[in-house]
């Protein structure tokens, strides 16, 4: 699916992918962008940065991607949204709720 949007500053093409359908070069690009934006924050946290875990999270079958590309240079992605709709247990382990996670990264 391709969506197109245009404003005075931006002329973007937005593509939709599941984690399974995301082409390998875009998988690496999304991972690299997450790492460049978030590594220091994670590294300084209690849990630290875990590459294998982050790649697994990003490749989870529930993950969906919207990849924004510059229409003037379609080979150049400029940002992405990764989102998931999942069911999770709450702190009250008998209760399961539907949760939406959204992660936005921009070059």
C-alpha atoms as a PDB file:
ATOM      1  CA  UNK A   1       0.000   0.000   0.000  1.00  0.00           C
ATOM      2  CA  UNK A   2       1.358   3.416  -0.892  1.00  0.00           C
ATOM      3  CA  UNK A   3       0.126   6.666   0.622  1.00  0.00           C
ATOM      4  CA  UNK A   4       1.207  10.039  -0.669  1.00  0.00           C
ATOM      5  CA  UNK A   5       1.242  13.287   1.279  1.00  0.00           C
ATOM      6  CA  UNK A   6       2.409  16.754   0.376  1.00  0.00           C
ATOM      7  CA  UNK A   7       2.806  19.970   2.371  1.00  0.00           C
ATOM      8  CA  UNK A   8       4.782  23.137   1.803  1.00  0.00           C
ATOM      9  CA  UNK A   9       7.908  21.506   3.258  1.00  0.00           C
ATOM     10  CA  UNK A  10       7.467  17.818   2.480  1.00  0.00           C
ATOM     11  CA  UNK A  11       6.502  15.632  -0.436  1.00  0.00           C
ATOM     12  CA  UNK A  12       6.463  12.086   0.874  1.00  0.00           C
ATOM     13  CA  UNK A  13       5.566   8.606  -0.219  1.00  0.00           C
ATOM     14  CA  UNK A  14       4.575   6.320   2.656  1.00  0.00           C
ATOM     15  CA  UNK A  15       4.753   2.544   2.274  1.00  0.00           C
ATOM     16  CA  UNK A  16       3.174  -0.035   4.585  1.00  0.00           C
ATOM     17  CA  UNK A  17       4.944  -3.282   5.489  1.00  0.00           C
ATOM     18  CA  UNK A  18       4.580  -6.115   7.942  1.00  0.00           C
ATOM     19  CA  UNK A  19       7.812  -7.102   9.697  1.00  0.00           C
ATOM     20  CA  UNK A  20       7.932 -10.205   7.510  1.00  0.00           C
ATOM     21  CA  UNK A  21       7.510  -8.225   4.266  1.00  0.00           C
ATOM     22  CA  UNK A  22       9.937  -5.416   5.104  1.00  0.00           C
ATOM     23  CA  UNK A  23      12.840  -5.695   2.613  1.00  0.00           C
ATOM     24  CA  UNK A  24      16.219  -6.479   4.205  1.00  0.00           C
ATOM     25  CA  UNK A  25      17.800  -3.107   3.286  1.00  0.00           C
ATOM     26  CA  UNK A  26      14.902  -1.319   5.020  1.00  0.00           C
ATOM     27  CA  UNK A  27      15.182  -3.650   8.029  1.00  0.00           C
ATOM     28  CA  UNK A  28      18.800  -2.612   8.416  1.00  0.00           C
ATOM     29  CA  UNK A  29      17.969   1.053   7.839  1.00  0.00           C
ATOM     30  CA  UNK A  30      15.208   1.018  10.496  1.00  0.00           C
ATOM     31  CA  UNK A  31      17.473  -0.781  12.967  1.00  0.00           C
ATOM     32  CA  UNK A  32      20.346   1.642  12.321  1.00  0.00           C
ATOM     33  CA  UNK A  33      18.031   4.638  12.797  1.00  0.00           C
ATOM     34  CA  UNK A  34      16.680   3.244  16.071  1.00  0.00           C
ATOM     35  CA  UNK A  35      20.221   2.592  17.276  1.00  0.00           C
ATOM     36  CA  UNK A  36      21.449   6.069  16.294  1.00  0.00           C
ATOM     37  CA  UNK A  37      18.490   7.696  18.071  1.00  0.00           C
ATOM     38  CA  UNK A  38      18.187   5.451  21.128  1.00  0.00           C
ATOM     39  CA  UNK A  39      21.503   3.729  21.873  1.00  0.00           C
ATOM     40  CA  UNK A  40      22.754   6.234  24.460  1.00  0.00           C
ATOM     41  CA  UNK A  41      19.428   6.297  26.278  1.00  0.00           C
ATOM     42  CA  UNK A  42      19.306   2.491  26.439  1.00  0.00           C
ATOM     43  CA  UNK A  43      23.023   2.123  27.248  1.00  0.00           C
ATOM     44  CA  UNK A  44      22.616   4.415  30.248  1.00  0.00           C
ATOM     45  CA  UNK A  45      19.525   2.591  31.506  1.00  0.00           C
ATOM     46  CA  UNK A  46      19.383  -0.284  33.977  1.00  0.00           C
ATOM     47  CA  UNK A  47      18.829  -2.869  31.225  1.00  0.00           C
ATOM     48  CA  UNK A  48      21.335  -1.472  28.727  1.00  0.00           C
ATOM     49  CA  UNK A  49      21.340  -1.938  24.947  1.00  0.00           C
ATOM     50  CA  UNK A  50      20.766  -5.483  23.714  1.00  0.00           C
ATOM     51  CA  UNK A  51      21.130  -5.757  19.939  1.00  0.00           C
ATOM     52  CA  UNK A  52      19.635  -9.247  19.634  1.00  0.00           C
ATOM     53  CA  UNK A  53      16.624  -8.296  21.744  1.00  0.00           C
ATOM     54  CA  UNK A  54      16.034  -5.064  19.814  1.00  0.00           C
ATOM     55  CA  UNK A  55      16.232  -6.864  16.464  1.00  0.00           C
ATOM     56  CA  UNK A  56      13.836  -9.505  17.762  1.00  0.00           C
ATOM     57  CA  UNK A  57      11.375  -6.849  18.965  1.00  0.00           C
ATOM     58  CA  UNK A  58      11.525  -5.033  15.638  1.00  0.00           C
ATOM     59  CA  UNK A  59      11.023  -8.285  13.724  1.00  0.00           C
ATOM     60  CA  UNK A  60       8.111  -9.505  15.847  1.00  0.00           C
ATOM     61  CA  UNK A  61       5.221 -10.779  13.718  1.00  0.00           C
ATOM     62  CA  UNK A  62       2.936  -8.165  15.335  1.00  0.00           C
ATOM     63  CA  UNK A  63       5.150  -5.311  14.086  1.00  0.00           C
ATOM     64  CA  UNK A  64       3.913  -3.122  11.256  1.00  0.00           C
ATOM     65  CA  UNK A  65       5.852  -0.360   9.535  1.00  0.00           C
ATOM     66  CA  UNK A  66       5.059   2.877   7.747  1.00  0.00           C
ATOM     67  CA  UNK A  67       8.198   3.987   5.895  1.00  0.00           C
ATOM     68  CA  UNK A  68       8.308   7.608   4.697  1.00  0.00           C
ATOM     69  CA  UNK A  69      10.398   8.334   1.604  1.00  0.00           C
ATOM     70  CA  UNK A  70      11.161  11.616  -0.143  1.00  0.00           C
ATOM     71  CA  UNK A  71       9.269  11.702  -3.454  1.00  0.00           C
ATOM     72  CA  UNK A  72      12.185  13.560  -5.108  1.00  0.00           C
ATOM     73  CA  UNK A  73      14.552  10.768  -4.036  1.00  0.00           C
ATOM     74  CA  UNK A  74      12.422   7.640  -3.409  1.00  0.00           C
ATOM     75  CA  UNK A  75      15.464   5.554  -2.563  1.00  0.00           C
ATOM     76  CA  UNK A  76      16.039   7.747   0.489  1.00  0.00           C
ATOM     77  CA  UNK A  77      13.818   6.931   3.468  1.00  0.00           C
ATOM     78  CA  UNK A  78      13.382   9.861   5.859  1.00  0.00           C
ATOM     79  CA  UNK A  79      11.543   8.289   8.775  1.00  0.00           C
ATOM     80  CA  UNK A  80       9.336   5.479   9.921  1.00  0.00           C
ATOM     81  CA  UNK A  81       6.645   4.460  12.352  1.00  0.00           C
ATOM     82  CA  UNK A  82       6.659   0.980  13.832  1.00  0.00           C
ATOM     83  CA  UNK A  83       3.434  -0.053  15.504  1.00  0.00           C
ATOM     84  CA  UNK A  84       1.964  -3.130  17.153  1.00  0.00           C
ATOM     85  CA  UNK A  85      -1.465  -4.102  18.440  1.00  0.00           C
ATOM     86  CA  UNK A  86      -1.058  -6.801  21.071  1.00  0.00           C
ATOM     87  CA  UNK A  87      -2.807  -8.383  24.030  1.00  0.00           C
ATOM     88  CA  UNK A  88      -0.889  -8.267  27.304  1.00  0.00           C
ATOM     89  CA  UNK A  89      -1.368  -9.232  30.895  1.00  0.00           C
ATOM     90  CA  UNK A  90      -1.707  -6.394  33.379  1.00  0.00           C
ATOM     91  CA  UNK A  91      -0.162  -6.280  36.837  1.00  0.00           C
ATOM     92  CA  UNK A  92      -3.308  -8.142  37.847  1.00  0.00           C
ATOM     93  CA  UNK A  93      -2.283 -11.336  36.025  1.00  0.00           C
ATOM     94  CA  UNK A  94      -5.881 -12.400  35.562  1.00  0.00           C
ATOM     95  CA  UNK A  95      -6.640  -9.454  33.329  1.00  0.00           C
ATOM     96  CA  UNK A  96      -5.591  -9.218  29.676  1.00  0.00           C
ATOM     97  CA  UNK A  97      -5.916  -5.922  27.799  1.00  0.00           C
ATOM     98  CA  UNK A  98      -5.404  -4.792  24.226  1.00  0.00           C
ATOM     99  CA  UNK A  99      -2.453  -2.449  23.840  1.00  0.00           C
ATOM    100  CA  UNK A 100      -1.172  -0.323  20.956  1.00  0.00           C
ATOM    101  CA  UNK A 101       2.525   0.559  20.791  1.00  0.00           C
ATOM    102  CA  UNK A 102       3.749   3.315  18.439  1.00  0.00           C
ATOM    103  CA  UNK A 103       7.401   4.177  17.825  1.00  0.00           C
ATOM    104  CA  UNK A 104       8.304   7.121  15.587  1.00  0.00           C
ATOM    105  CA  UNK A 105      11.823   7.724  14.232  1.00  0.00           C
ATOM    106  CA  UNK A 106      12.922  10.547  11.938  1.00  0.00           C
ATOM    107  CA  UNK A 107      16.267  11.065  10.227  1.00  0.00           C
END
